[in-house]
Amino acid sequence: METQTTTWTFREFKAYLFLYAANSKHFETQEEKNKIHSFVHNHSYRQIHREIEQDNDYQSIQKILSYIEKEKLKQTDLDKLLAEIRELINVNYKPDLLEENMFLALKHLLHKSN
């Protein structure tokens, strides 16, 4: 399989990651959209949203891992992103089973072995 590469800025990566998490139930609530819009412009949001709709899970995961490796993100950076993702899925109500499973999968994915 080919490596998925991106030219994202950190904010675009964060938007992609948050949209990936929010899409565990195949839609984003208005509160989730507002949170994501707080760190990425509307044009970038639409572009990233189109990208994530076209990607399958494997492609999304490969893009996320590729960005982390390329940018050499530290575990402290990843832990901060996980905390923000937790806030995102808690933004409007108690997370459902799909959201909890997505969070656990991302937690596993973003845990670097030292």
N, C-alpha and C. Protein backbone atom coordinates (compact mmCIF):
# COMPACT_ATOMS: atom_id res chain seq x y z
N MET A 1 0.83 -1.19 0.00
CA MET A 1 0.00 0.00 0.00
C MET A 1 0.88 1.25 0.00
N GLU A 2 0.40 2.28 -0.67
CA GLU A 2 1.18 3.50 -0.73
C GLU A 2 0.97 4.36 0.51
N THR A 3 2.00 5.13 0.85
CA THR A 3 1.93 6.02 1.99
C THR A 3 1.06 7.22 1.65
N GLN A 4 0.24 7.61 2.59
CA GLN A 4 -0.62 8.78 2.43
C GLN A 4 0.13 10.00 2.95
N THR A 5 0.45 10.93 2.06
CA THR A 5 1.16 12.13 2.49
C THR A 5 0.24 13.34 2.36
N THR A 6 0.55 14.35 3.14
CA THR A 6 -0.26 15.57 3.14
C THR A 6 0.67 16.78 3.17
N THR A 7 0.10 17.92 2.90
CA THR A 7 0.83 19.19 3.02
C THR A 7 0.11 20.09 4.02
N TRP A 8 -0.51 19.48 5.01
CA TRP A 8 -1.29 20.22 5.99
C TRP A 8 -0.42 21.10 6.87
N THR A 9 -1.02 22.19 7.30
CA THR A 9 -0.48 22.95 8.43
C THR A 9 -0.95 22.21 9.69
N PHE A 10 -0.43 22.62 10.84
CA PHE A 10 -0.87 21.97 12.08
C PHE A 10 -2.37 22.16 12.30
N ARG A 11 -2.87 23.36 12.00
CA ARG A 11 -4.30 23.63 12.18
C ARG A 11 -5.15 22.76 11.26
N GLU A 12 -4.68 22.55 10.04
CA GLU A 12 -5.41 21.68 9.11
C GLU A 12 -5.37 20.23 9.58
N PHE A 13 -4.22 19.79 10.09
CA PHE A 13 -4.12 18.45 10.66
C PHE A 13 -5.11 18.29 11.82
N LYS A 14 -5.14 19.28 12.67
CA LYS A 14 -6.03 19.25 13.82
C LYS A 14 -7.50 19.19 13.36
N ALA A 15 -7.83 19.96 12.35
CA ALA A 15 -9.20 19.94 11.81
C ALA A 15 -9.53 18.56 11.24
N TYR A 16 -8.59 17.97 10.50
CA TYR A 16 -8.81 16.64 9.93
C TYR A 16 -9.02 15.62 11.05
N LEU A 17 -8.15 15.66 12.05
CA LEU A 17 -8.24 14.74 13.18
C LEU A 17 -9.56 14.90 13.93
N PHE A 18 -9.97 16.15 14.17
CA PHE A 18 -11.22 16.41 14.88
C PHE A 18 -12.42 15.98 14.04
N LEU A 19 -12.38 16.24 12.74
CA LEU A 19 -13.48 15.79 11.87
C LEU A 19 -13.55 14.27 11.84
N TYR A 20 -12.40 13.64 11.82
CA TYR A 20 -12.37 12.17 11.86
C TYR A 20 -13.04 11.67 13.13
N ALA A 21 -12.72 12.28 14.25
CA ALA A 21 -13.33 11.89 15.52
C ALA A 21 -14.83 12.20 15.54
N ALA A 22 -15.20 13.37 15.07
CA ALA A 22 -16.60 13.78 15.09
C ALA A 22 -17.46 12.94 14.15
N ASN A 23 -16.85 12.40 13.11
CA ASN A 23 -17.60 11.63 12.13
C ASN A 23 -17.83 10.18 12.54
N SER A 24 -17.53 9.83 13.76
CA SER A 24 -17.76 8.46 14.21
C SER A 24 -19.24 8.08 14.07
N LYS A 25 -20.10 9.08 14.14
CA LYS A 25 -21.54 8.85 13.98
C LYS A 25 -22.04 9.33 12.62
N HIS A 26 -21.08 9.63 11.72
CA HIS A 26 -21.33 10.00 10.32
C HIS A 26 -21.97 11.37 10.13
N PHE A 27 -21.86 12.23 11.13
CA PHE A 27 -22.26 13.63 11.00
C PHE A 27 -21.64 14.41 12.15
N GLU A 28 -21.56 15.72 11.98
CA GLU A 28 -21.06 16.58 13.05
C GLU A 28 -22.21 17.43 13.55
N THR A 29 -22.26 17.61 14.86
CA THR A 29 -23.26 18.51 15.41
C THR A 29 -22.81 19.95 15.17
N GLN A 30 -23.71 20.89 15.32
CA GLN A 30 -23.35 22.30 15.16
C GLN A 30 -22.29 22.71 16.17
N GLU A 31 -22.37 22.20 17.38
CA GLU A 31 -21.38 22.52 18.40
C GLU A 31 -19.99 22.02 18.00
N GLU A 32 -19.93 20.81 17.42
CA GLU A 32 -18.65 20.27 16.96
C GLU A 32 -18.10 21.11 15.80
N LYS A 33 -18.98 21.49 14.88
CA LYS A 33 -18.55 22.34 13.76
C LYS A 33 -18.00 23.66 14.27
N ASN A 34 -18.67 24.26 15.23
CA ASN A 34 -18.22 25.54 15.79
C ASN A 34 -16.84 25.40 16.43
N LYS A 35 -16.64 24.32 17.17
CA LYS A 35 -15.35 24.08 17.81
C LYS A 35 -14.24 23.96 16.77
N ILE A 36 -14.49 23.20 15.69
CA ILE A 36 -13.49 23.02 14.65
C ILE A 36 -13.24 24.32 13.90
N HIS A 37 -14.31 25.09 13.66
CA HIS A 37 -14.15 26.39 12.99
C HIS A 37 -13.34 27.37 13.83
N SER A 38 -13.22 27.14 15.12
CA SER A 38 -12.48 28.07 15.97
C SER A 38 -10.97 28.07 15.67
N PHE A 39 -10.48 27.07 14.99
CA PHE A 39 -9.06 27.06 14.68
C PHE A 39 -8.73 26.84 13.20
N VAL A 40 -9.75 26.80 12.34
CA VAL A 40 -9.50 26.70 10.91
C VAL A 40 -10.54 27.54 10.17
N HIS A 41 -10.10 28.24 9.12
CA HIS A 41 -11.00 29.08 8.34
C HIS A 41 -12.03 28.26 7.59
N ASN A 42 -13.11 28.90 7.21
CA ASN A 42 -14.22 28.22 6.54
C ASN A 42 -13.78 27.51 5.26
N HIS A 43 -12.94 28.15 4.46
CA HIS A 43 -12.46 27.53 3.22
C HIS A 43 -11.68 26.24 3.53
N SER A 44 -10.78 26.31 4.50
CA SER A 44 -10.00 25.13 4.89
C SER A 44 -10.92 24.05 5.45
N TYR A 45 -11.90 24.47 6.25
CA TYR A 45 -12.85 23.51 6.82
C TYR A 45 -13.56 22.74 5.70
N ARG A 46 -14.06 23.46 4.70
CA ARG A 46 -14.77 22.80 3.60
C ARG A 46 -13.85 21.86 2.82
N GLN A 47 -12.63 22.32 2.58
CA GLN A 47 -11.66 21.52 1.84
C GLN A 47 -11.32 20.23 2.61
N ILE A 48 -11.06 20.36 3.88
CA ILE A 48 -10.73 19.20 4.71
C ILE A 48 -11.93 18.28 4.86
N HIS A 49 -13.11 18.86 4.96
CA HIS A 49 -14.34 18.07 5.07
C HIS A 49 -14.53 17.21 3.81
N ARG A 50 -14.29 17.81 2.65
CA ARG A 50 -14.38 17.05 1.39
C ARG A 50 -13.36 15.92 1.37
N GLU A 51 -12.17 16.23 1.84
CA GLU A 51 -11.10 15.22 1.86
C GLU A 51 -11.47 14.05 2.75
N ILE A 52 -11.97 14.35 3.94
CA ILE A 52 -12.30 13.27 4.87
C ILE A 52 -13.49 12.44 4.38
N GLU A 53 -14.40 13.07 3.65
CA GLU A 53 -15.53 12.33 3.08
C GLU A 53 -15.06 11.37 1.99
N GLN A 54 -13.99 11.72 1.28
CA GLN A 54 -13.47 10.88 0.21
C GLN A 54 -12.56 9.76 0.72
N ASP A 55 -11.95 9.96 1.89
CA ASP A 55 -11.02 8.98 2.44
C ASP A 55 -11.77 7.86 3.15
N ASN A 56 -11.25 6.64 3.03
CA ASN A 56 -11.77 5.56 3.85
C ASN A 56 -10.99 5.56 5.17
N ASP A 57 -11.38 4.70 6.11
CA ASP A 57 -10.72 4.69 7.42
C ASP A 57 -9.23 4.44 7.31
N TYR A 58 -8.85 3.49 6.46
CA TYR A 58 -7.43 3.17 6.31
C TYR A 58 -6.65 4.41 5.83
N GLN A 59 -7.17 5.09 4.83
CA GLN A 59 -6.49 6.29 4.31
C GLN A 59 -6.40 7.37 5.39
N SER A 60 -7.48 7.56 6.13
CA SER A 60 -7.47 8.57 7.20
C SER A 60 -6.40 8.26 8.24
N ILE A 61 -6.36 7.02 8.68
CA ILE A 61 -5.38 6.62 9.69
C ILE A 61 -3.97 6.79 9.17
N GLN A 62 -3.74 6.40 7.92
CA GLN A 62 -2.41 6.55 7.33
C GLN A 62 -2.00 8.02 7.23
N LYS A 63 -2.93 8.88 6.87
CA LYS A 63 -2.64 10.31 6.79
C LYS A 63 -2.30 10.87 8.17
N ILE A 64 -3.06 10.47 9.17
CA ILE A 64 -2.83 10.94 10.54
C ILE A 64 -1.45 10.49 11.02
N LEU A 65 -1.14 9.21 10.84
CA LEU A 65 0.15 8.68 11.28
C LEU A 65 1.31 9.30 10.50
N SER A 66 1.11 9.49 9.20
CA SER A 66 2.15 10.08 8.37
C SER A 66 2.46 11.51 8.82
N TYR A 67 1.42 12.29 9.12
CA TYR A 67 1.63 13.66 9.59
C TYR A 67 2.39 13.67 10.92
N ILE A 68 1.99 12.80 11.83
CA ILE A 68 2.63 12.73 13.15
C ILE A 68 4.12 12.41 12.99
N GLU A 69 4.42 11.46 12.13
CA GLU A 69 5.81 11.08 11.90
C GLU A 69 6.59 12.19 11.20
N LYS A 70 6.00 12.75 10.15
CA LYS A 70 6.68 13.80 9.37
C LYS A 70 6.99 15.02 10.23
N GLU A 71 6.04 15.41 11.08
CA GLU A 71 6.21 16.60 11.91
C GLU A 71 6.86 16.30 13.25
N LYS A 72 7.13 15.01 13.50
CA LYS A 72 7.80 14.59 14.73
C LYS A 72 7.07 15.10 15.98
N LEU A 73 5.75 14.91 15.99
CA LEU A 73 4.98 15.34 17.16
C LEU A 73 5.37 14.50 18.37
N LYS A 74 5.50 15.17 19.49
CA LYS A 74 5.86 14.49 20.74
C LYS A 74 4.60 13.94 21.41
N GLN A 75 4.80 13.00 22.33
CA GLN A 75 3.67 12.41 23.04
C GLN A 75 2.88 13.47 23.80
N THR A 76 3.57 14.48 24.33
CA THR A 76 2.85 15.54 25.04
C THR A 76 1.92 16.30 24.09
N ASP A 77 2.34 16.50 22.83
CA ASP A 77 1.49 17.14 21.83
C ASP A 77 0.26 16.27 21.54
N LEU A 78 0.51 14.97 21.42
CA LEU A 78 -0.58 14.04 21.11
C LEU A 78 -1.55 13.93 22.28
N ASP A 79 -1.02 13.94 23.49
CA ASP A 79 -1.88 13.89 24.69
C ASP A 79 -2.77 15.13 24.76
N LYS A 80 -2.22 16.28 24.39
CA LYS A 80 -3.01 17.51 24.39
C LYS A 80 -4.13 17.41 23.34
N LEU A 81 -3.80 16.88 22.17
CA LEU A 81 -4.82 16.70 21.13
C LEU A 81 -5.91 15.75 21.61
N LEU A 82 -5.52 14.68 22.27
CA LEU A 82 -6.52 13.73 22.80
C LEU A 82 -7.44 14.40 23.82
N ALA A 83 -6.88 15.24 24.67
CA ALA A 83 -7.71 15.96 25.65
C ALA A 83 -8.70 16.87 24.93
N GLU A 84 -8.25 17.52 23.85
CA GLU A 84 -9.14 18.39 23.09
C GLU A 84 -10.21 17.58 22.35
N ILE A 85 -9.84 16.40 21.87
CA ILE A 85 -10.82 15.53 21.22
C ILE A 85 -11.88 15.09 22.23
N ARG A 86 -11.44 14.79 23.44
CA ARG A 86 -12.38 14.42 24.51
C ARG A 86 -13.36 15.56 24.74
N GLU A 87 -12.86 16.80 24.78
CA GLU A 87 -13.74 17.96 24.93
C GLU A 87 -14.71 18.06 23.76
N LEU A 88 -14.21 17.81 22.56
CA LEU A 88 -15.04 17.89 21.36
C LEU A 88 -16.21 16.92 21.43
N ILE A 89 -15.94 15.68 21.79
CA ILE A 89 -17.05 14.71 21.80
C ILE A 89 -17.96 14.88 23.01
N ASN A 90 -17.51 15.65 23.98
CA ASN A 90 -18.35 15.96 25.14
C ASN A 90 -19.05 17.30 25.02
N VAL A 91 -18.89 17.99 23.88
CA VAL A 91 -19.33 19.38 23.75
C VAL A 91 -20.83 19.56 23.92
N ASN A 92 -21.63 18.59 23.52
CA ASN A 92 -23.07 18.82 23.57
C ASN A 92 -23.87 17.78 24.35
N TYR A 93 -23.26 16.70 24.73
CA TYR A 93 -23.95 15.68 25.53
C TYR A 93 -22.97 14.58 25.88
N LYS A 94 -23.44 13.63 26.66
CA LYS A 94 -22.60 12.48 27.00
C LYS A 94 -22.33 11.68 25.74
N PRO A 95 -21.06 11.33 25.47
CA PRO A 95 -20.74 10.59 24.24
C PRO A 95 -21.48 9.26 24.16
N ASP A 96 -21.88 8.90 22.95
CA ASP A 96 -22.52 7.61 22.76
C ASP A 96 -21.45 6.55 22.54
N LEU A 97 -21.86 5.31 22.34
CA LEU A 97 -20.94 4.20 22.20
C LEU A 97 -20.00 4.38 21.00
N LEU A 98 -20.51 4.87 19.89
CA LEU A 98 -19.67 5.09 18.71
C LEU A 98 -18.56 6.11 18.99
N GLU A 99 -18.93 7.18 19.66
CA GLU A 99 -17.94 8.21 19.98
C GLU A 99 -16.91 7.70 20.98
N GLU A 100 -17.36 6.95 21.96
CA GLU A 100 -16.42 6.39 22.94
C GLU A 100 -15.45 5.43 22.28
N ASN A 101 -15.97 4.59 21.37
CA ASN A 101 -15.09 3.66 20.65
C ASN A 101 -14.10 4.39 19.76
N MET A 102 -14.54 5.47 19.12
CA MET A 102 -13.64 6.26 18.29
C MET A 102 -12.56 6.88 19.16
N PHE A 103 -12.94 7.40 20.31
CA PHE A 103 -11.95 8.01 21.20
C PHE A 103 -10.92 6.97 21.65
N LEU A 104 -11.37 5.79 22.01
CA LEU A 104 -10.44 4.74 22.44
C LEU A 104 -9.51 4.33 21.31
N ALA A 105 -10.04 4.26 20.10
CA ALA A 105 -9.21 3.91 18.93
C ALA A 105 -8.15 5.00 18.70
N LEU A 106 -8.57 6.27 18.77
CA LEU A 106 -7.62 7.36 18.58
C LEU A 106 -6.58 7.40 19.71
N LYS A 107 -7.01 7.11 20.91
CA LYS A 107 -6.09 7.07 22.05
C LYS A 107 -5.01 6.02 21.81
N HIS A 108 -5.43 4.87 21.32
CA HIS A 108 -4.48 3.81 21.00
C HIS A 108 -3.57 4.22 19.84
N LEU A 109 -4.15 4.81 18.82
CA LEU A 109 -3.42 5.23 17.63
C LEU A 109 -2.38 6.31 17.95
N LEU A 110 -2.75 7.24 18.83
CA LEU A 110 -1.88 8.37 19.13
C LEU A 110 -0.92 8.11 20.29
N HIS A 111 -0.90 6.88 20.79
CA HIS A 111 0.04 6.55 21.85
C HIS A 111 1.32 6.02 21.21
N LYS A 112 2.39 6.78 21.38
CA LYS A 112 3.67 6.39 20.81
C LYS A 112 4.39 5.44 21.76
N SER A 113 4.95 4.39 21.21
CA SER A 113 5.77 3.49 22.01
C SER A 113 7.16 4.09 22.14
N ASN A 114 7.64 4.17 23.35
CA ASN A 114 8.98 4.75 23.58
C ASN A 114 10.02 3.67 23.67
